[in-house]
Amino acid sequence: MPEHDASDAAEPRPLADFDDWALTTYRESLETALAQSELPRYMLPREELQKQLGEVQAEQAEREQTGSADANT
């Protein structure tokens, strides 16, 4: 599976399609991008990255609650 990072977030796949590793990698990529004081021009606006991070965190929390971690692997 190709790595998914915040720079290609304009073409998102459904988060449910990500396995746990890919979801964690994507979350870390978003967190790294948001930690920058100034985003590169090719990045989505900070508000959109923050929204996507919230969606990733919600997906991870839901997987923990339902015990469906790695259900897609």
PDB file of N, CA and C in Angstrom:
ATOM      1  N   MET A   1       0.844  -1.172   0.000  1.00  0.00           N
ATOM      2  CA  MET A   1       0.000   0.000   0.000  1.00  0.00           C
ATOM      3  C   MET A   1       0.890   1.237   0.000  1.00  0.00           C
ATOM      4  N   PRO A   2       0.648   2.180  -0.896  1.00  0.00           N
ATOM      5  CA  PRO A   2       1.470   3.387  -0.905  1.00  0.00           C
ATOM      6  C   PRO A   2       1.222   4.212   0.346  1.00  0.00           C
ATOM      7  N   GLU A   3       2.274   4.871   0.775  1.00  0.00           N
ATOM      8  CA  GLU A   3       2.147   5.710   1.965  1.00  0.00           C
ATOM      9  C   GLU A   3       1.246   6.895   1.655  1.00  0.00           C
ATOM     10  N   HIS A   4       0.392   7.244   2.580  1.00  0.00           N
ATOM     11  CA  HIS A   4      -0.548   8.359   2.426  1.00  0.00           C
ATOM     12  C   HIS A   4      -0.103   9.440   3.387  1.00  0.00           C
ATOM     13  N   ASP A   5       0.178  10.608   2.869  1.00  0.00           N
ATOM     14  CA  ASP A   5       0.578  11.680   3.774  1.00  0.00           C
ATOM     15  C   ASP A   5      -0.259  12.926   3.559  1.00  0.00           C
ATOM     16  N   ALA A   6      -0.036  13.911   4.384  1.00  0.00           N
ATOM     17  CA  ALA A   6      -0.868  15.110   4.369  1.00  0.00           C
ATOM     18  C   ALA A   6      -0.747  15.887   3.073  1.00  0.00           C
ATOM     19  N   SER A   7       0.344  15.726   2.339  1.00  0.00           N
ATOM     20  CA  SER A   7       0.497  16.475   1.098  1.00  0.00           C
ATOM     21  C   SER A   7      -0.415  15.971  -0.001  1.00  0.00           C
ATOM     22  N   ASP A   8      -0.859  14.713   0.077  1.00  0.00           N
ATOM     23  CA  ASP A   8      -1.784  14.206  -0.934  1.00  0.00           C
ATOM     24  C   ASP A   8      -3.191  14.051  -0.370  1.00  0.00           C
ATOM     25  N   ALA A   9      -3.480  14.808   0.672  1.00  0.00           N
ATOM     26  CA  ALA A   9      -4.769  14.711   1.349  1.00  0.00           C
ATOM     27  C   ALA A   9      -5.926  15.216   0.499  1.00  0.00           C
ATOM     28  N   ALA A  10      -5.643  15.867  -0.623  1.00  0.00           N
ATOM     29  CA  ALA A  10      -6.714  16.366  -1.484  1.00  0.00           C
ATOM     30  C   ALA A  10      -7.454  15.219  -2.177  1.00  0.00           C
ATOM     31  N   GLU A  11      -6.872  14.038  -2.220  1.00  0.00           N
ATOM     32  CA  GLU A  11      -7.486  12.863  -2.838  1.00  0.00           C
ATOM     33  C   GLU A  11      -7.663  11.772  -1.775  1.00  0.00           C
ATOM     34  N   PRO A  12      -8.479  12.042  -0.754  1.00  0.00           N
ATOM     35  CA  PRO A  12      -8.573  11.079   0.349  1.00  0.00           C
ATOM     36  C   PRO A  12      -9.332   9.811  -0.022  1.00  0.00           C
ATOM     37  N   ARG A  13      -8.914   8.724   0.591  1.00  0.00           N
ATOM     38  CA  ARG A  13      -9.656   7.469   0.514  1.00  0.00           C
ATOM     39  C   ARG A  13     -10.504   7.387   1.775  1.00  0.00           C
ATOM     40  N   PRO A  14     -11.554   6.584   1.754  1.00  0.00           N
ATOM     41  CA  PRO A  14     -12.331   6.416   2.993  1.00  0.00           C
ATOM     42  C   PRO A  14     -11.428   5.888   4.107  1.00  0.00           C
ATOM     43  N   LEU A  15     -11.522   6.476   5.268  1.00  0.00           N
ATOM     44  CA  LEU A  15     -10.660   6.068   6.376  1.00  0.00           C
ATOM     45  C   LEU A  15     -10.886   4.612   6.763  1.00  0.00           C
ATOM     46  N   ALA A  16     -12.075   4.114   6.540  1.00  0.00           N
ATOM     47  CA  ALA A  16     -12.361   2.717   6.869  1.00  0.00           C
ATOM     48  C   ALA A  16     -11.527   1.758   6.020  1.00  0.00           C
ATOM     49  N   ASP A  17     -11.016   2.230   4.874  1.00  0.00           N
ATOM     50  CA  ASP A  17     -10.182   1.394   4.002  1.00  0.00           C
ATOM     51  C   ASP A  17      -8.744   1.284   4.491  1.00  0.00           C
ATOM     52  N   PHE A  18      -8.341   2.142   5.417  1.00  0.00           N
ATOM     53  CA  PHE A  18      -6.974   2.127   5.921  1.00  0.00           C
ATOM     54  C   PHE A  18      -6.824   1.020   6.959  1.00  0.00           C
ATOM     55  N   ASP A  19      -5.706   0.278   6.910  1.00  0.00           N
ATOM     56  CA  ASP A  19      -5.427  -0.621   8.025  1.00  0.00           C
ATOM     57  C   ASP A  19      -4.862   0.230   9.164  1.00  0.00           C
ATOM     58  N   ASP A  20      -4.647  -0.361  10.314  1.00  0.00           N
ATOM     59  CA  ASP A  20      -4.216   0.419  11.481  1.00  0.00           C
ATOM     60  C   ASP A  20      -2.893   1.129  11.250  1.00  0.00           C
ATOM     61  N   TRP A  21      -1.942   0.443  10.612  1.00  0.00           N
ATOM     62  CA  TRP A  21      -0.636   1.046  10.362  1.00  0.00           C
ATOM     63  C   TRP A  21      -0.779   2.277   9.473  1.00  0.00           C
ATOM     64  N   ALA A  22      -1.521   2.154   8.372  1.00  0.00           N
ATOM     65  CA  ALA A  22      -1.695   3.273   7.443  1.00  0.00           C
ATOM     66  C   ALA A  22      -2.434   4.427   8.114  1.00  0.00           C
ATOM     67  N   LEU A  23      -3.419   4.113   8.933  1.00  0.00           N
ATOM     68  CA  LEU A  23      -4.170   5.162   9.626  1.00  0.00           C
ATOM     69  C   LEU A  23      -3.265   5.914  10.608  1.00  0.00           C
ATOM     70  N   THR A  24      -2.437   5.171  11.323  1.00  0.00           N
ATOM     71  CA  THR A  24      -1.501   5.791  12.260  1.00  0.00           C
ATOM     72  C   THR A  24      -0.475   6.649  11.522  1.00  0.00           C
ATOM     73  N   THR A  25       0.031   6.140  10.409  1.00  0.00           N
ATOM     74  CA  THR A  25       0.993   6.891   9.608  1.00  0.00           C
ATOM     75  C   THR A  25       0.372   8.175   9.075  1.00  0.00           C
ATOM     76  N   TYR A  26      -0.862   8.091   8.619  1.00  0.00           N
ATOM     77  CA  TYR A  26      -1.573   9.263   8.115  1.00  0.00           C
ATOM     78  C   TYR A  26      -1.781  10.281   9.234  1.00  0.00           C
ATOM     79  N   ARG A  27      -2.191   9.791  10.430  1.00  0.00           N
ATOM     80  CA  ARG A  27      -2.380  10.695  11.572  1.00  0.00           C
ATOM     81  C   ARG A  27      -1.074  11.406  11.915  1.00  0.00           C
ATOM     82  N   GLU A  28       0.025  10.662  11.954  1.00  0.00           N
ATOM     83  CA  GLU A  28       1.320  11.257  12.268  1.00  0.00           C
ATOM     84  C   GLU A  28       1.729  12.288  11.217  1.00  0.00           C
ATOM     85  N   SER A  29       1.428  12.016   9.965  1.00  0.00           N
ATOM     86  CA  SER A  29       1.734  12.950   8.890  1.00  0.00           C
ATOM     87  C   SER A  29       0.945  14.250   9.053  1.00  0.00           C
ATOM     88  N   LEU A  30      -0.327  14.119   9.385  1.00  0.00           N
ATOM     89  CA  LEU A  30      -1.150  15.305   9.620  1.00  0.00           C
ATOM     90  C   LEU A  30      -0.641  16.091  10.819  1.00  0.00           C
ATOM     91  N   GLU A  31      -0.291  15.391  11.897  1.00  0.00           N
ATOM     92  CA  GLU A  31       0.221  16.064  13.096  1.00  0.00           C
ATOM     93  C   GLU A  31       1.531  16.802  12.792  1.00  0.00           C
ATOM     94  N   THR A  32       2.398  16.178  12.000  1.00  0.00           N
ATOM     95  CA  THR A  32       3.663  16.803  11.629  1.00  0.00           C
ATOM     96  C   THR A  32       3.419  18.059  10.797  1.00  0.00           C
ATOM     97  N   ALA A  33       2.515  17.962   9.842  1.00  0.00           N
ATOM     98  CA  ALA A  33       2.197  19.121   8.998  1.00  0.00           C
ATOM     99  C   ALA A  33       1.635  20.259   9.839  1.00  0.00           C
ATOM    100  N   LEU A  34       0.736  19.933  10.760  1.00  0.00           N
ATOM    101  CA  LEU A  34       0.106  20.965  11.581  1.00  0.00           C
ATOM    102  C   LEU A  34       1.080  21.586  12.580  1.00  0.00           C
ATOM    103  N   ALA A  35       2.152  20.875  12.908  1.00  0.00           N
ATOM    104  CA  ALA A  35       3.139  21.398  13.852  1.00  0.00           C
ATOM    105  C   ALA A  35       4.042  22.454  13.209  1.00  0.00           C
ATOM    106  N   GLN A  36       4.046  22.533  11.894  1.00  0.00           N
ATOM    107  CA  GLN A  36       4.873  23.520  11.200  1.00  0.00           C
ATOM    108  C   GLN A  36       4.290  24.919  11.409  1.00  0.00           C
ATOM    109  N   SER A  37       5.149  25.872  11.602  1.00  0.00           N
ATOM    110  CA  SER A  37       4.662  27.243  11.788  1.00  0.00           C
ATOM    111  C   SER A  37       4.103  27.808  10.488  1.00  0.00           C
ATOM    112  N   GLU A  38       4.650  27.385   9.365  1.00  0.00           N
ATOM    113  CA  GLU A  38       4.143  27.832   8.070  1.00  0.00           C
ATOM    114  C   GLU A  38       4.054  26.618   7.152  1.00  0.00           C
ATOM    115  N   LEU A  39       2.874  26.399   6.594  1.00  0.00           N
ATOM    116  CA  LEU A  39       2.669  25.257   5.707  1.00  0.00           C
ATOM    117  C   LEU A  39       3.179  25.565   4.305  1.00  0.00           C
ATOM    118  N   PRO A  40       3.741  24.556   3.627  1.00  0.00           N
ATOM    119  CA  PRO A  40       4.134  24.755   2.229  1.00  0.00           C
ATOM    120  C   PRO A  40       2.909  25.084   1.371  1.00  0.00           C
ATOM    121  N   ARG A  41       3.131  25.733   0.255  1.00  0.00           N
ATOM    122  CA  ARG A  41       2.022  26.160  -0.609  1.00  0.00           C
ATOM    123  C   ARG A  41       1.167  25.004  -1.112  1.00  0.00           C
ATOM    124  N   TYR A  42       1.775  23.853  -1.337  1.00  0.00           N
ATOM    125  CA  TYR A  42       1.025  22.729  -1.903  1.00  0.00           C
ATOM    126  C   TYR A  42       0.122  22.034  -0.887  1.00  0.00           C
ATOM    127  N   MET A  43       0.218  22.388   0.367  1.00  0.00           N
ATOM    128  CA  MET A  43      -0.601  21.762   1.409  1.00  0.00           C
ATOM    129  C   MET A  43      -1.994  22.360   1.421  1.00  0.00           C
ATOM    130  N   LEU A  44      -2.903  21.579   1.918  1.00  0.00           N
ATOM    131  CA  LEU A  44      -4.253  22.082   2.155  1.00  0.00           C
ATOM    132  C   LEU A  44      -4.205  23.116   3.280  1.00  0.00           C
ATOM    133  N   PRO A  45      -5.222  23.958   3.381  1.00  0.00           N
ATOM    134  CA  PRO A  45      -5.248  24.927   4.487  1.00  0.00           C
ATOM    135  C   PRO A  45      -5.221  24.216   5.849  1.00  0.00           C
ATOM    136  N   ARG A  46      -4.646  24.887   6.808  1.00  0.00           N
ATOM    137  CA  ARG A  46      -4.513  24.331   8.162  1.00  0.00           C
ATOM    138  C   ARG A  46      -5.856  23.844   8.713  1.00  0.00           C
ATOM    139  N   GLU A  47      -6.928  24.584   8.443  1.00  0.00           N
ATOM    140  CA  GLU A  47      -8.251  24.198   8.944  1.00  0.00           C
ATOM    141  C   GLU A  47      -8.681  22.848   8.362  1.00  0.00           C
ATOM    142  N   GLU A  48      -8.389  22.620   7.092  1.00  0.00           N
ATOM    143  CA  GLU A  48      -8.749  21.348   6.453  1.00  0.00           C
ATOM    144  C   GLU A  48      -7.906  20.198   7.009  1.00  0.00           C
ATOM    145  N   LEU A  49      -6.628  20.449   7.229  1.00  0.00           N
ATOM    146  CA  LEU A  49      -5.769  19.419   7.820  1.00  0.00           C
ATOM    147  C   LEU A  49      -6.247  19.082   9.229  1.00  0.00           C
ATOM    148  N   GLN A  50      -6.646  20.106   9.993  1.00  0.00           N
ATOM    149  CA  GLN A  50      -7.145  19.881  11.350  1.00  0.00           C
ATOM    150  C   GLN A  50      -8.433  19.060  11.314  1.00  0.00           C
ATOM    151  N   LYS A  51      -9.296  19.351  10.347  1.00  0.00           N
ATOM    152  CA  LYS A  51     -10.544  18.595  10.196  1.00  0.00           C
ATOM    153  C   LYS A  51     -10.234  17.129   9.884  1.00  0.00           C
ATOM    154  N   GLN A  52      -9.292  16.902   8.984  1.00  0.00           N
ATOM    155  CA  GLN A  52      -8.929  15.533   8.628  1.00  0.00           C
ATOM    156  C   GLN A  52      -8.314  14.802   9.812  1.00  0.00           C
ATOM    157  N   LEU A  53      -7.498  15.497  10.589  1.00  0.00           N
ATOM    158  CA  LEU A  53      -6.914  14.896  11.781  1.00  0.00           C
ATOM    159  C   LEU A  53      -8.012  14.474  12.756  1.00  0.00           C
ATOM    160  N   GLY A  54      -9.006  15.317  12.943  1.00  0.00           N
ATOM    161  CA  GLY A  54     -10.125  14.968  13.816  1.00  0.00           C
ATOM    162  C   GLY A  54     -10.865  13.736  13.330  1.00  0.00           C
ATOM    163  N   GLU A  55     -11.026  13.619  12.019  1.00  0.00           N
ATOM    164  CA  GLU A  55     -11.705  12.444  11.450  1.00  0.00           C
ATOM    165  C   GLU A  55     -10.876  11.172  11.658  1.00  0.00           C
ATOM    166  N   VAL A  56      -9.553  11.291  11.507  1.00  0.00           N
ATOM    167  CA  VAL A  56      -8.670  10.141  11.731  1.00  0.00           C
ATOM    168  C   VAL A  56      -8.737   9.717  13.202  1.00  0.00           C
ATOM    169  N   GLN A  57      -8.670  10.689  14.094  1.00  0.00           N
ATOM    170  CA  GLN A  57      -8.731  10.373  15.520  1.00  0.00           C
ATOM    171  C   GLN A  57     -10.064   9.723  15.881  1.00  0.00           C
ATOM    172  N   ALA A  58     -11.157  10.187  15.284  1.00  0.00           N
ATOM    173  CA  ALA A  58     -12.471   9.596  15.543  1.00  0.00           C
ATOM    174  C   ALA A  58     -12.520   8.159  15.027  1.00  0.00           C
ATOM    175  N   GLU A  59     -11.953   7.909  13.858  1.00  0.00           N
ATOM    176  CA  GLU A  59     -11.913   6.550  13.306  1.00  0.00           C
ATOM    177  C   GLU A  59     -11.108   5.623  14.214  1.00  0.00           C
ATOM    178  N   GLN A  60      -9.964   6.109  14.699  1.00  0.00           N
ATOM    179  CA  GLN A  60      -9.152   5.295  15.595  1.00  0.00           C
ATOM    180  C   GLN A  60      -9.889   5.018  16.907  1.00  0.00           C
ATOM    181  N   ALA A  61     -10.576   6.000  17.444  1.00  0.00           N
ATOM    182  CA  ALA A  61     -11.326   5.810  18.683  1.00  0.00           C
ATOM    183  C   ALA A  61     -12.460   4.816  18.473  1.00  0.00           C
ATOM    184  N   GLU A  62     -13.127   4.919  17.337  1.00  0.00           N
ATOM    185  CA  GLU A  62     -14.212   3.980  17.041  1.00  0.00           C
ATOM    186  C   GLU A  62     -13.689   2.554  16.926  1.00  0.00           C
ATOM    187  N   ARG A  63     -12.544   2.384  16.293  1.00  0.00           N
ATOM    188  CA  ARG A  63     -11.951   1.044  16.176  1.00  0.00           C
ATOM    189  C   ARG A  63     -11.595   0.479  17.541  1.00  0.00           C
ATOM    190  N   GLU A  64     -11.092   1.343  18.415  1.00  0.00           N
ATOM    191  CA  GLU A  64     -10.760   0.880  19.768  1.00  0.00           C
ATOM    192  C   GLU A  64     -12.010   0.460  20.522  1.00  0.00           C
ATOM    193  N   GLN A  65     -13.091   1.220  20.379  1.00  0.00           N
ATOM    194  CA  GLN A  65     -14.336   0.906  21.085  1.00  0.00           C
ATOM    195  C   GLN A  65     -14.979  -0.372  20.566  1.00  0.00           C
ATOM    196  N   THR A  66     -14.976  -0.543  19.251  1.00  0.00           N
ATOM    197  CA  THR A  66     -15.654  -1.693  18.679  1.00  0.00           C
ATOM    198  C   THR A  66     -14.769  -2.918  18.569  1.00  0.00           C
ATOM    199  N   GLY A  67     -13.479  -2.749  18.833  1.00  0.00           N
ATOM    200  CA  GLY A  67     -12.565  -3.875  18.743  1.00  0.00           C
ATOM    201  C   GLY A  67     -12.333  -4.300  17.304  1.00  0.00           C
ATOM    202  N   SER A  68     -12.555  -3.400  16.349  1.00  0.00           N
ATOM    203  CA  SER A  68     -12.399  -3.761  14.944  1.00  0.00           C
ATOM    204  C   SER A  68     -11.033  -3.361  14.395  1.00  0.00           C
ATOM    205  N   ALA A  69     -10.067  -3.155  15.265  1.00  0.00           N
ATOM    206  CA  ALA A  69      -8.723  -2.815  14.806  1.00  0.00           C
ATOM    207  C   ALA A  69      -8.208  -3.905  13.886  1.00  0.00           C
ATOM    208  N   ASP A  70      -7.611  -3.494  12.800  1.00  0.00           N
ATOM    209  CA  ASP A  70      -7.066  -4.384  11.782  1.00  0.00           C
ATOM    210  C   ASP A  70      -8.105  -5.279  11.134  1.00  0.00           C
ATOM    211  N   ALA A  71      -9.376  -4.901  11.191  1.00  0.00           N
ATOM    212  CA  ALA A  71     -10.417  -5.694  10.560  1.00  0.00           C
ATOM    213  C   ALA A  71     -10.283  -5.699   9.044  1.00  0.00           C
ATOM    214  N   ASN A  72      -9.601  -4.689   8.498  1.00  0.00           N
ATOM    215  CA  ASN A  72      -9.454  -4.578   7.049  1.00  0.00           C
ATOM    216  C   ASN A  72      -8.155  -5.146   6.533  1.00  0.00           C
ATOM    217  N   THR A  73      -7.432  -5.895   7.339  1.00  0.00           N
ATOM    218  CA  THR A  73      -6.161  -6.465   6.877  1.00  0.00           C
ATOM    219  C   THR A  73      -6.286  -7.934   6.645  1.00  0.00           C
TER     220      THR A  73
END
